[in-house]
PDB file of N, CA and C in Angstrom:
ATOM      1  N   MET A   1     115.739 104.850  90.575  1.00  0.00           N
ATOM      2  CA  MET A   1     115.433 103.434  90.666  1.00  0.00           C
ATOM      3  C   MET A   1     116.348 102.788  91.711  1.00  0.00           C
ATOM      4  N   ILE A   2     115.758 102.011  92.596  1.00  0.00           N
ATOM      5  CA  ILE A   2     116.503 101.298  93.624  1.00  0.00           C
ATOM      6  C   ILE A   2     117.146 100.067  92.981  1.00  0.00           C
ATOM      7  N   ASP A   3     118.354  99.753  93.391  1.00  0.00           N
ATOM      8  CA  ASP A   3     119.050  98.619  92.811  1.00  0.00           C
ATOM      9  C   ASP A   3     119.662  97.743  93.900  1.00  0.00           C
ATOM     10  N   CYS A   4     118.890  97.442  94.927  1.00  0.00           N
ATOM     11  CA  CYS A   4     119.390  96.589  96.001  1.00  0.00           C
ATOM     12  C   CYS A   4     119.409  95.128  95.527  1.00  0.00           C
ATOM     13  N   LEU A   5     120.018  94.273  96.315  1.00  0.00           N
ATOM     14  CA  LEU A   5     120.125  92.853  95.978  1.00  0.00           C
ATOM     15  C   LEU A   5     118.756  92.240  95.702  1.00  0.00           C
ATOM     16  N   PHE A   6     117.772  92.524  96.552  1.00  0.00           N
ATOM     17  CA  PHE A   6     116.455  91.917  96.377  1.00  0.00           C
ATOM     18  C   PHE A   6     115.735  92.467  95.149  1.00  0.00           C
ATOM     19  N   CYS A   7     115.974  93.726  94.789  1.00  0.00           N
ATOM     20  CA  CYS A   7     115.412  94.263  93.544  1.00  0.00           C
ATOM     21  C   CYS A   7     115.982  93.500  92.348  1.00  0.00           C
ATOM     22  N   LYS A   8     117.271  93.192  92.402  1.00  0.00           N
ATOM     23  CA  LYS A   8     117.902  92.427  91.326  1.00  0.00           C
ATOM     24  C   LYS A   8     117.297  91.029  91.228  1.00  0.00           C
ATOM     25  N   ILE A   9     117.057  90.412  92.368  1.00  0.00           N
ATOM     26  CA  ILE A   9     116.446  89.084  92.371  1.00  0.00           C
ATOM     27  C   ILE A   9     115.029  89.164  91.804  1.00  0.00           C
ATOM     28  N   ALA A  10     114.259  90.172  92.206  1.00  0.00           N
ATOM     29  CA  ALA A  10     112.890  90.331  91.719  1.00  0.00           C
ATOM     30  C   ALA A  10     112.859  90.545  90.203  1.00  0.00           C
ATOM     31  N   ARG A  11     113.869  91.226  89.675  1.00  0.00           N
ATOM     32  CA  ARG A  11     113.953  91.457  88.223  1.00  0.00           C
ATOM     33  C   ARG A  11     114.657  90.302  87.513  1.00  0.00           C
ATOM     34  N   LYS A  12     115.049  89.293  88.277  1.00  0.00           N
ATOM     35  CA  LYS A  12     115.741  88.107  87.776  1.00  0.00           C
ATOM     36  C   LYS A  12     117.079  88.447  87.130  1.00  0.00           C
ATOM     37  N   LYS A  13     117.728  89.484  87.666  1.00  0.00           N
ATOM     38  CA  LYS A  13     119.068  89.847  87.227  1.00  0.00           C
ATOM     39  C   LYS A  13     120.109  89.033  88.000  1.00  0.00           C
ATOM     40  N   LYS A  14     119.677  88.441  89.085  1.00  0.00           N
ATOM     41  CA  LYS A  14     120.540  87.589  89.901  1.00  0.00           C
ATOM     42  C   LYS A  14     119.806  86.277  90.081  1.00  0.00           C
ATOM     43  N   ARG A  15     120.434  85.184  89.740  1.00  0.00           N
ATOM     44  CA  ARG A  15     119.784  83.872  89.835  1.00  0.00           C
ATOM     45  C   ARG A  15     119.652  83.438  91.294  1.00  0.00           C
ATOM     46  N   GLU A  16     118.481  83.016  91.616  1.00  0.00           N
ATOM     47  CA  GLU A  16     118.201  82.453  92.931  1.00  0.00           C
ATOM     48  C   GLU A  16     117.300  81.245  92.727  1.00  0.00           C
ATOM     49  N   ASP A  17     117.161  80.439  93.756  1.00  0.00           N
ATOM     50  CA  ASP A  17     116.293  79.266  93.702  1.00  0.00           C
ATOM     51  C   ASP A  17     114.865  79.727  93.999  1.00  0.00           C
ATOM     52  N   ILE A  18     114.179  80.171  92.969  1.00  0.00           N
ATOM     53  CA  ILE A  18     112.820  80.705  93.129  1.00  0.00           C
ATOM     54  C   ILE A  18     111.836  79.553  93.305  1.00  0.00           C
ATOM     55  N   VAL A  19     111.033  79.633  94.370  1.00  0.00           N
ATOM     56  CA  VAL A  19     110.053  78.582  94.653  1.00  0.00           C
ATOM     57  C   VAL A  19     108.614  79.063  94.468  1.00  0.00           C
ATOM     58  N   TYR A  20     108.429  80.383  94.350  1.00  0.00           N
ATOM     59  CA  TYR A  20     107.084  80.936  94.180  1.00  0.00           C
ATOM     60  C   TYR A  20     107.204  82.296  93.508  1.00  0.00           C
ATOM     61  N   GLU A  21     106.225  82.581  92.648  1.00  0.00           N
ATOM     62  CA  GLU A  21     106.171  83.900  92.040  1.00  0.00           C
ATOM     63  C   GLU A  21     104.739  84.193  91.627  1.00  0.00           C
ATOM     64  N   ASP A  22     104.306  85.419  91.880  1.00  0.00           N
ATOM     65  CA  ASP A  22     103.046  85.911  91.342  1.00  0.00           C
ATOM     66  C   ASP A  22     103.298  87.335  90.852  1.00  0.00           C
ATOM     67  N   SER A  23     102.263  88.082  90.578  1.00  0.00           N
ATOM     68  CA  SER A  23     102.456  89.419  90.017  1.00  0.00           C
ATOM     69  C   SER A  23     103.084  90.401  91.002  1.00  0.00           C
ATOM     70  N   ASP A  24     102.969  90.148  92.302  1.00  0.00           N
ATOM     71  CA  ASP A  24     103.459  91.087  93.313  1.00  0.00           C
ATOM     72  C   ASP A  24     104.648  90.598  94.134  1.00  0.00           C
ATOM     73  N   PHE A  25     104.821  89.289  94.257  1.00  0.00           N
ATOM     74  CA  PHE A  25     105.824  88.723  95.162  1.00  0.00           C
ATOM     75  C   PHE A  25     106.652  87.644  94.486  1.00  0.00           C
ATOM     76  N   ILE A  26     107.818  87.421  95.073  1.00  0.00           N
ATOM     77  CA  ILE A  26     108.680  86.325  94.657  1.00  0.00           C
ATOM     78  C   ILE A  26     109.256  85.712  95.937  1.00  0.00           C
ATOM     79  N   ALA A  27     109.409  84.399  95.956  1.00  0.00           N
ATOM     80  CA  ALA A  27     109.970  83.717  97.127  1.00  0.00           C
ATOM     81  C   ALA A  27     111.088  82.801  96.653  1.00  0.00           C
ATOM     82  N   PHE A  28     112.146  82.740  97.470  1.00  0.00           N
ATOM     83  CA  PHE A  28     113.310  81.929  97.111  1.00  0.00           C
ATOM     84  C   PHE A  28     113.956  81.401  98.380  1.00  0.00           C
ATOM     85  N   ARG A  29     114.791  80.380  98.206  1.00  0.00           N
ATOM     86  CA  ARG A  29     115.463  79.758  99.346  1.00  0.00           C
ATOM     87  C   ARG A  29     116.514  80.702  99.927  1.00  0.00           C
ATOM     88  N   ASP A  30     116.582  80.741 101.256  1.00  0.00           N
ATOM     89  CA  ASP A  30     117.583  81.559 101.935  1.00  0.00           C
ATOM     90  C   ASP A  30     118.973  80.970 101.686  1.00  0.00           C
ATOM     91  N   ALA A  31     119.938  81.821 101.473  1.00  0.00           N
ATOM     92  CA  ALA A  31     121.315  81.375 101.212  1.00  0.00           C
ATOM     93  C   ALA A  31     121.949  80.717 102.433  1.00  0.00           C
ATOM     94  N   HIS A  32     121.466  81.064 103.625  1.00  0.00           N
ATOM     95  CA  HIS A  32     121.996  80.504 104.868  1.00  0.00           C
ATOM     96  C   HIS A  32     120.830  79.988 105.707  1.00  0.00           C
ATOM     97  N   PRO A  33     120.229  78.862 105.321  1.00  0.00           N
ATOM     98  CA  PRO A  33     119.016  78.380 105.998  1.00  0.00           C
ATOM     99  C   PRO A  33     119.226  78.048 107.470  1.00  0.00           C
ATOM    100  N   GLN A  34     118.219  78.383 108.259  1.00  0.00           N
ATOM    101  CA  GLN A  34     118.226  78.113 109.697  1.00  0.00           C
ATOM    102  C   GLN A  34     117.265  77.001 110.072  1.00  0.00           C
ATOM    103  N   ALA A  35     116.639  76.383 109.051  1.00  0.00           N
ATOM    104  CA  ALA A  35     115.652  75.328 109.282  1.00  0.00           C
ATOM    105  C   ALA A  35     115.549  74.503 108.003  1.00  0.00           C
ATOM    106  N   PRO A  36     114.897  73.332 108.070  1.00  0.00           N
ATOM    107  CA  PRO A  36     114.718  72.534 106.857  1.00  0.00           C
ATOM    108  C   PRO A  36     114.045  73.315 105.715  1.00  0.00           C
ATOM    109  N   VAL A  37     113.096  74.168 106.058  1.00  0.00           N
ATOM    110  CA  VAL A  37     112.485  75.072 105.080  1.00  0.00           C
ATOM    111  C   VAL A  37     112.767  76.491 105.558  1.00  0.00           C
ATOM    112  N   HIS A  38     113.512  77.247 104.759  1.00  0.00           N
ATOM    113  CA  HIS A  38     113.814  78.640 105.099  1.00  0.00           C
ATOM    114  C   HIS A  38     113.789  79.424 103.789  1.00  0.00           C
ATOM    115  N   LEU A  39     112.701  80.151 103.602  1.00  0.00           N
ATOM    116  CA  LEU A  39     112.482  80.901 102.373  1.00  0.00           C
ATOM    117  C   LEU A  39     112.377  82.386 102.683  1.00  0.00           C
ATOM    118  N   LEU A  40     112.717  83.206 101.711  1.00  0.00           N
ATOM    119  CA  LEU A  40     112.507  84.649 101.809  1.00  0.00           C
ATOM    120  C   LEU A  40     111.393  85.017 100.842  1.00  0.00           C
ATOM    121  N   ILE A  41     110.460  85.813 101.327  1.00  0.00           N
ATOM    122  CA  ILE A  41     109.365  86.315 100.495  1.00  0.00           C
ATOM    123  C   ILE A  41     109.555  87.818 100.391  1.00  0.00           C
ATOM    124  N   ILE A  42     109.630  88.312  99.150  1.00  0.00           N
ATOM    125  CA  ILE A  42     109.849  89.746  98.943  1.00  0.00           C
ATOM    126  C   ILE A  42     108.818  90.297  97.972  1.00  0.00           C
ATOM    127  N   PRO A  43     108.402  91.547  98.179  1.00  0.00           N
ATOM    128  CA  PRO A  43     107.587  92.193  97.139  1.00  0.00           C
ATOM    129  C   PRO A  43     108.503  92.515  95.961  1.00  0.00           C
ATOM    130  N   LYS A  44     107.973  92.419  94.753  1.00  0.00           N
ATOM    131  CA  LYS A  44     108.773  92.744  93.569  1.00  0.00           C
ATOM    132  C   LYS A  44     109.109  94.230  93.545  1.00  0.00           C
ATOM    133  N   GLU A  45     108.201  95.043  94.039  1.00  0.00           N
ATOM    134  CA  GLU A  45     108.429  96.487  94.112  1.00  0.00           C
ATOM    135  C   GLU A  45     109.272  96.793  95.345  1.00  0.00           C
ATOM    136  N   HIS A  46     110.285  97.625  95.183  1.00  0.00           N
ATOM    137  CA  HIS A  46     111.118  97.971  96.333  1.00  0.00           C
ATOM    138  C   HIS A  46     110.291  98.731  97.365  1.00  0.00           C
ATOM    139  N   LEU A  47     110.365  98.267  98.592  1.00  0.00           N
ATOM    140  CA  LEU A  47     109.717  98.946  99.720  1.00  0.00           C
ATOM    141  C   LEU A  47     110.649  98.784 100.903  1.00  0.00           C
ATOM    142  N   GLY A  48     111.318  99.873 101.268  1.00  0.00           N
ATOM    143  CA  GLY A  48     112.242  99.828 102.397  1.00  0.00           C
ATOM    144  C   GLY A  48     111.499  99.540 103.689  1.00  0.00           C
ATOM    145  N   ILE A  49     112.144  98.840 104.583  1.00  0.00           N
ATOM    146  CA  ILE A  49     111.505  98.445 105.843  1.00  0.00           C
ATOM    147  C   ILE A  49     111.195  99.646 106.724  1.00  0.00           C
ATOM    148  N   VAL A  50     111.964 100.718 106.607  1.00  0.00           N
ATOM    149  CA  VAL A  50     111.745 101.877 107.460  1.00  0.00           C
ATOM    150  C   VAL A  50     111.154 103.067 106.698  1.00  0.00           C
ATOM    151  N   GLU A  51     110.684 102.829 105.467  1.00  0.00           N
ATOM    152  CA  GLU A  51     110.083 103.918 104.702  1.00  0.00           C
ATOM    153  C   GLU A  51     108.840 104.455 105.396  1.00  0.00           C
ATOM    154  N   CYS A  52     108.479 105.679 105.055  1.00  0.00           N
ATOM    155  CA  CYS A  52     107.346 106.341 105.699  1.00  0.00           C
ATOM    156  C   CYS A  52     106.006 106.043 105.047  1.00  0.00           C
ATOM    157  N   ASP A  53     105.976 105.357 103.922  1.00  0.00           N
ATOM    158  CA  ASP A  53     104.717 105.077 103.237  1.00  0.00           C
ATOM    159  C   ASP A  53     103.972 103.975 103.983  1.00  0.00           C
ATOM    160  N   VAL A  54     103.379 104.345 105.090  1.00  0.00           N
ATOM    161  CA  VAL A  54     102.737 103.379 105.984  1.00  0.00           C
ATOM    162  C   VAL A  54     101.584 102.650 105.299  1.00  0.00           C
ATOM    163  N   GLU A  55     100.760 103.356 104.542  1.00  0.00           N
ATOM    164  CA  GLU A  55      99.621 102.727 103.867  1.00  0.00           C
ATOM    165  C   GLU A  55     100.089 101.664 102.880  1.00  0.00           C
ATOM    166  N   ARG A  56     101.108 101.971 102.090  1.00  0.00           N
ATOM    167  CA  ARG A  56     101.638 100.999 101.126  1.00  0.00           C
ATOM    168  C   ARG A  56     102.211  99.791 101.857  1.00  0.00           C
ATOM    169  N   LYS A  57     102.950 100.059 102.938  1.00  0.00           N
ATOM    170  CA  LYS A  57     103.540  98.966 103.715  1.00  0.00           C
ATOM    171  C   LYS A  57     102.448  98.066 104.306  1.00  0.00           C
ATOM    172  N   HIS A  58     101.379  98.660 104.812  1.00  0.00           N
ATOM    173  CA  HIS A  58     100.279  97.866 105.379  1.00  0.00           C
ATOM    174  C   HIS A  58      99.632  96.986 104.323  1.00  0.00           C
ATOM    175  N   ALA A  59      99.415  97.530 103.129  1.00  0.00           N
ATOM    176  CA  ALA A  59      98.794  96.759 102.052  1.00  0.00           C
ATOM    177  C   ALA A  59      99.671  95.568 101.669  1.00  0.00           C
ATOM    178  N   VAL A  60     100.971  95.803 101.544  1.00  0.00           N
ATOM    179  CA  VAL A  60     101.898  94.731 101.186  1.00  0.00           C
ATOM    180  C   VAL A  60     101.944  93.683 102.286  1.00  0.00           C
ATOM    181  N   CYS A  61     101.983  94.110 103.536  1.00  0.00           N
ATOM    182  CA  CYS A  61     102.043  93.164 104.663  1.00  0.00           C
ATOM    183  C   CYS A  61     100.787  92.310 104.750  1.00  0.00           C
ATOM    184  N   ARG A  62      99.632  92.898 104.483  1.00  0.00           N
ATOM    185  CA  ARG A  62      98.395  92.104 104.486  1.00  0.00           C
ATOM    186  C   ARG A  62      98.476  90.999 103.434  1.00  0.00           C
ATOM    187  N   LYS A  63      98.972  91.321 102.268  1.00  0.00           N
ATOM    188  CA  LYS A  63      99.077  90.334 101.192  1.00  0.00           C
ATOM    189  C   LYS A  63     100.141  89.278 101.482  1.00  0.00           C
ATOM    190  N   ILE A  64     101.231  89.689 102.076  1.00  0.00           N
ATOM    191  CA  ILE A  64     102.357  88.771 102.252  1.00  0.00           C
ATOM    192  C   ILE A  64     102.002  87.624 103.202  1.00  0.00           C
ATOM    193  N   PHE A  65     101.105  87.855 104.153  1.00  0.00           N
ATOM    194  CA  PHE A  65     100.677  86.777 105.052  1.00  0.00           C
ATOM    195  C   PHE A  65      99.923  85.694 104.289  1.00  0.00           C
ATOM    196  N   GLY A  66      99.083  86.096 103.341  1.00  0.00           N
ATOM    197  CA  GLY A  66      98.379  85.119 102.513  1.00  0.00           C
ATOM    198  C   GLY A  66      99.323  84.348 101.607  1.00  0.00           C
ATOM    199  N   VAL A  67     100.299  85.043 101.048  1.00  0.00           N
ATOM    200  CA  VAL A  67     101.309  84.398 100.205  1.00  0.00           C
ATOM    201  C   VAL A  67     102.098  83.390 101.039  1.00  0.00           C
ATOM    202  N   ALA A  68     102.485  83.781 102.239  1.00  0.00           N
ATOM    203  CA  ALA A  68     103.243  82.878 103.120  1.00  0.00           C
ATOM    204  C   ALA A  68     102.440  81.619 103.419  1.00  0.00           C
ATOM    205  N   ARG A  69     101.163  81.764 103.704  1.00  0.00           N
ATOM    206  CA  ARG A  69     100.319  80.599 103.994  1.00  0.00           C
ATOM    207  C   ARG A  69     100.267  79.665 102.781  1.00  0.00           C
ATOM    208  N   LYS A  70     100.096  80.236 101.601  1.00  0.00           N
ATOM    209  CA  LYS A  70     100.032  79.448 100.367  1.00  0.00           C
ATOM    210  C   LYS A  70     101.355  78.697 100.133  1.00  0.00           C
ATOM    211  N   ILE A  71     102.472  79.378 100.323  1.00  0.00           N
ATOM    212  CA  ILE A  71     103.775  78.741 100.134  1.00  0.00           C
ATOM    213  C   ILE A  71     103.994  77.647 101.172  1.00  0.00           C
ATOM    214  N   ALA A  72     103.628  77.910 102.428  1.00  0.00           N
ATOM    215  CA  ALA A  72     103.794  76.921 103.503  1.00  0.00           C
ATOM    216  C   ALA A  72     102.985  75.657 103.204  1.00  0.00           C
ATOM    217  N   GLU A  73     101.772  75.826 102.706  1.00  0.00           N
ATOM    218  CA  GLU A  73     100.952  74.661 102.367  1.00  0.00           C
ATOM    219  C   GLU A  73     101.590  73.866 101.241  1.00  0.00           C
ATOM    220  N   THR A  74     102.100  74.552 100.230  1.00  0.00           N
ATOM    221  CA  THR A  74     102.769  73.886  99.110  1.00  0.00           C
ATOM    222  C   THR A  74     104.022  73.152  99.571  1.00  0.00           C
ATOM    223  N   ALA A  75     104.739  73.736 100.536  1.00  0.00           N
ATOM    224  CA  ALA A  75     105.973  73.138 101.063  1.00  0.00           C
ATOM    225  C   ALA A  75     105.698  72.019 102.063  1.00  0.00           C
ATOM    226  N   GLY A  76     104.424  71.810 102.413  1.00  0.00           N
ATOM    227  CA  GLY A  76     104.070  70.752 103.352  1.00  0.00           C
ATOM    228  C   GLY A  76     104.221  71.122 104.812  1.00  0.00           C
ATOM    229  N   ILE A  77     104.317  72.424 105.105  1.00  0.00           N
ATOM    230  CA  ILE A  77     104.464  72.863 106.503  1.00  0.00           C
ATOM    231  C   ILE A  77     103.331  73.822 106.890  1.00  0.00           C
ATOM    232  N   GLY A  78     102.190  73.707 106.230  1.00  0.00           N
ATOM    233  CA  GLY A  78     101.086  74.648 106.399  1.00  0.00           C
ATOM    234  C   GLY A  78     100.601  74.842 107.816  1.00  0.00           C
ATOM    235  N   GLY A  79     100.760  73.855 108.678  1.00  0.00           N
ATOM    236  CA  GLY A  79     100.261  73.986 110.028  1.00  0.00           C
ATOM    237  C   GLY A  79     101.286  74.418 111.058  1.00  0.00           C
ATOM    238  N   ALA A  80     102.556  74.522 110.658  1.00  0.00           N
ATOM    239  CA  ALA A  80     103.596  74.826 111.644  1.00  0.00           C
ATOM    240  C   ALA A  80     104.764  75.546 110.982  1.00  0.00           C
ATOM    241  N   TYR A  81     104.734  76.869 111.051  1.00  0.00           N
ATOM    242  CA  TYR A  81     105.830  77.651 110.501  1.00  0.00           C
ATOM    243  C   TYR A  81     105.921  78.973 111.231  1.00  0.00           C
ATOM    244  N   LYS A  82     107.061  79.642 111.043  1.00  0.00           N
ATOM    245  CA  LYS A  82     107.290  80.958 111.640  1.00  0.00           C
ATOM    246  C   LYS A  82     107.475  81.968 110.529  1.00  0.00           C
ATOM    247  N   LEU A  83     107.028  83.198 110.784  1.00  0.00           N
ATOM    248  CA  LEU A  83     107.308  84.326 109.900  1.00  0.00           C
ATOM    249  C   LEU A  83     108.134  85.314 110.695  1.00  0.00           C
ATOM    250  N   LEU A  84     109.226  85.778 110.109  1.00  0.00           N
ATOM    251  CA  LEU A  84     110.141  86.672 110.800  1.00  0.00           C
ATOM    252  C   LEU A  84     110.467  87.857 109.907  1.00  0.00           C
ATOM    253  N   VAL A  85     110.393  89.048 110.488  1.00  0.00           N
ATOM    254  CA  VAL A  85     110.785  90.268 109.787  1.00  0.00           C
ATOM    255  C   VAL A  85     111.854  90.947 110.620  1.00  0.00           C
ATOM    256  N   ASN A  86     113.012  91.205 110.033  1.00  0.00           N
ATOM    257  CA  ASN A  86     114.082  91.937 110.701  1.00  0.00           C
ATOM    258  C   ASN A  86     113.978  93.397 110.295  1.00  0.00           C
ATOM    259  N   ALA A  87     114.124  94.298 111.231  1.00  0.00           N
ATOM    260  CA  ALA A  87     114.053  95.737 110.937  1.00  0.00           C
ATOM    261  C   ALA A  87     115.331  96.411 111.395  1.00  0.00           C
ATOM    262  N   GLY A  88     116.146  96.825 110.449  1.00  0.00           N
ATOM    263  CA  GLY A  88     117.376  97.535 110.773  1.00  0.00           C
ATOM    264  C   GLY A  88     118.599  96.664 110.649  1.00  0.00           C
ATOM    265  N   TYR A  89     119.699  97.277 110.256  1.00  0.00           N
ATOM    266  CA  TYR A  89     120.938  96.554 110.012  1.00  0.00           C
ATOM    267  C   TYR A  89     121.409  95.797 111.254  1.00  0.00           C
ATOM    268  N   SER A  90     121.310  96.387 112.432  1.00  0.00           N
ATOM    269  CA  SER A  90     121.795  95.725 113.645  1.00  0.00           C
ATOM    270  C   SER A  90     120.923  94.535 114.027  1.00  0.00           C
ATOM    271  N   ALA A  91     119.758  94.400 113.392  1.00  0.00           N
ATOM    272  CA  ALA A  91     118.893  93.239 113.626  1.00  0.00           C
ATOM    273  C   ALA A  91     119.076  92.204 112.514  1.00  0.00           C
ATOM    274  N   SER A  92     120.204  92.284 111.814  1.00  0.00           N
ATOM    275  CA  SER A  92     120.517  91.356 110.717  1.00  0.00           C
ATOM    276  C   SER A  92     119.530  91.455 109.567  1.00  0.00           C
ATOM    277  N   GLU A  93     119.081  92.684 109.308  1.00  0.00           N
ATOM    278  CA  GLU A  93     118.072  92.862 108.262  1.00  0.00           C
ATOM    279  C   GLU A  93     118.588  92.499 106.880  1.00  0.00           C
ATOM    280  N   GLY A  94     119.807  92.853 106.547  1.00  0.00           N
ATOM    281  CA  GLY A  94     120.287  92.657 105.188  1.00  0.00           C
ATOM    282  C   GLY A  94     119.831  93.823 104.331  1.00  0.00           C
ATOM    283  N   PRO A  95     119.463  93.568 103.074  1.00  0.00           N
ATOM    284  CA  PRO A  95     119.035  94.678 102.207  1.00  0.00           C
ATOM    285  C   PRO A  95     117.836  95.427 102.793  1.00  0.00           C
ATOM    286  N   ASP A  96     117.814  96.746 102.595  1.00  0.00           N
ATOM    287  CA  ASP A  96     116.668  97.543 103.049  1.00  0.00           C
ATOM    288  C   ASP A  96     115.544  97.403 102.022  1.00  0.00           C
ATOM    289  N   HIS A  97     114.984  96.215 101.974  1.00  0.00           N
ATOM    290  CA  HIS A  97     113.900  95.852 101.070  1.00  0.00           C
ATOM    291  C   HIS A  97     113.024  94.928 101.894  1.00  0.00           C
ATOM    292  N   LEU A  98     111.791  95.325 102.113  1.00  0.00           N
ATOM    293  CA  LEU A  98     110.898  94.521 102.948  1.00  0.00           C
ATOM    294  C   LEU A  98     110.977  93.060 102.530  1.00  0.00           C
ATOM    295  N   HIS A  99     111.205  92.193 103.499  1.00  0.00           N
ATOM    296  CA  HIS A  99     111.227  90.765 103.234  1.00  0.00           C
ATOM    297  C   HIS A  99     110.818  90.012 104.490  1.00  0.00           C
ATOM    298  N   VAL A 100     110.217  88.861 104.275  1.00  0.00           N
ATOM    299  CA  VAL A 100     109.742  88.012 105.361  1.00  0.00           C
ATOM    300  C   VAL A 100     110.418  86.656 105.219  1.00  0.00           C
ATOM    301  N   HIS A 101     110.951  86.167 106.326  1.00  0.00           N
ATOM    302  CA  HIS A 101     111.510  84.815 106.366  1.00  0.00           C
ATOM    303  C   HIS A 101     110.378  83.861 106.725  1.00  0.00           C
ATOM    304  N   LEU A 102     110.181  82.832 105.924  1.00  0.00           N
ATOM    305  CA  LEU A 102     109.239  81.767 106.230  1.00  0.00           C
ATOM    306  C   LEU A 102     110.098  80.584 106.650  1.00  0.00           C
ATOM    307  N   ILE A 103     109.937  80.157 107.904  1.00  0.00           N
ATOM    308  CA  ILE A 103     110.822  79.161 108.504  1.00  0.00           C
ATOM    309  C   ILE A 103     109.988  78.022 109.078  1.00  0.00           C
ATOM    310  N   GLY A 104     110.383  76.795 108.798  1.00  0.00           N
ATOM    311  CA  GLY A 104     109.661  75.648 109.354  1.00  0.00           C
ATOM    312  C   GLY A 104     110.242  74.334 108.875  1.00  0.00           C
ATOM    313  N   GLY A 105     109.424  73.292 108.987  1.00  0.00           N
ATOM    314  CA  GLY A 105     109.826  71.976 108.508  1.00  0.00           C
ATOM    315  C   GLY A 105     110.513  71.104 109.537  1.00  0.00           C
ATOM    316  N   TRP A 106     110.348  71.406 110.803  1.00  0.00           N
ATOM    317  CA  TRP A 106     110.999  70.613 111.855  1.00  0.00           C
ATOM    318  C   TRP A 106     110.271  69.321 112.159  1.00  0.00           C
ATOM    319  N   GLY A 107     109.097  69.155 111.682  1.00  0.00           N
ATOM    320  CA  GLY A 107     108.313  67.949 111.945  1.00  0.00           C
ATOM    321  C   GLY A 107     106.842  68.298 111.925  1.00  0.00           C
ATOM    322  N   SER A 108     106.032  67.294 112.027  1.00  0.00           N
ATOM    323  CA  SER A 108     104.592  67.526 111.987  1.00  0.00           C
ATOM    324  C   SER A 108     104.125  68.129 113.306  1.00  0.00           C
ATOM    325  N   PRO A 109     103.004  68.865 113.288  1.00  0.00           N
ATOM    326  CA  PRO A 109     102.495  69.467 114.530  1.00  0.00           C
ATOM    327  C   PRO A 109     102.254  68.457 115.635  1.00  0.00           C
ATOM    328  N   THR A 110     101.952  67.201 115.282  1.00  0.00           N
ATOM    329  CA  THR A 110     101.720  66.203 116.326  1.00  0.00           C
ATOM    330  C   THR A 110     103.016  65.786 117.013  1.00  0.00           C
ATOM    331  N   GLU A 111     104.179  66.072 116.367  1.00  0.00           N
ATOM    332  CA  GLU A 111     105.469  65.742 116.973  1.00  0.00           C
ATOM    333  C   GLU A 111     105.958  66.815 117.927  1.00  0.00           C
ATOM    334  N   VAL A 112     105.328  67.975 117.912  1.00  0.00           N
ATOM    335  CA  VAL A 112     105.775  69.082 118.760  1.00  0.00           C
ATOM    336  C   VAL A 112     105.402  68.787 120.213  1.00  0.00           C
ATOM    337  N   ARG A 113     106.347  68.915 121.087  1.00  0.00           N
ATOM    338  CA  ARG A 113     106.105  68.686 122.512  1.00  0.00           C
ATOM    339  C   ARG A 113     105.936  70.043 123.204  1.00  0.00           C
ATOM    340  N   HIS A 114     104.937  70.139 124.048  1.00  0.00           N
ATOM    341  CA  HIS A 114     104.687  71.373 124.796  1.00  0.00           C
ATOM    342  C   HIS A 114     105.121  71.187 126.243  1.00  0.00           C
ATOM    343  N   ALA A 115     105.766  72.208 126.776  1.00  0.00           N
ATOM    344  CA  ALA A 115     106.233  72.130 128.172  1.00  0.00           C
ATOM    345  C   ALA A 115     105.087  72.258 129.131  1.00  0.00           C
TER     346      ALA A 115
END
């Protein structure tokens, strides 16, 4: 059994500010936010970012995009957000547990200026 930090959070062994949960995923506020809205979305089942189970990873990734959209809409940033996945320790990945950063909340899409 894997016992990484995110597995503990998914099992609720470590308290976090949980903002979303369903049968497969849990989302919580990032401890070091880089934006007004900065959440981490993790599968409850441990899935390392560099694991070889490509089919399982693809299935989880397909679902996580829908979860991110649902959370973004609930947070009021449905039209303007970023999804970020870090792969590897040198890329600031943190725990080797697949996770997606949902980042946004800088303003409404009409406030965004294009160069």
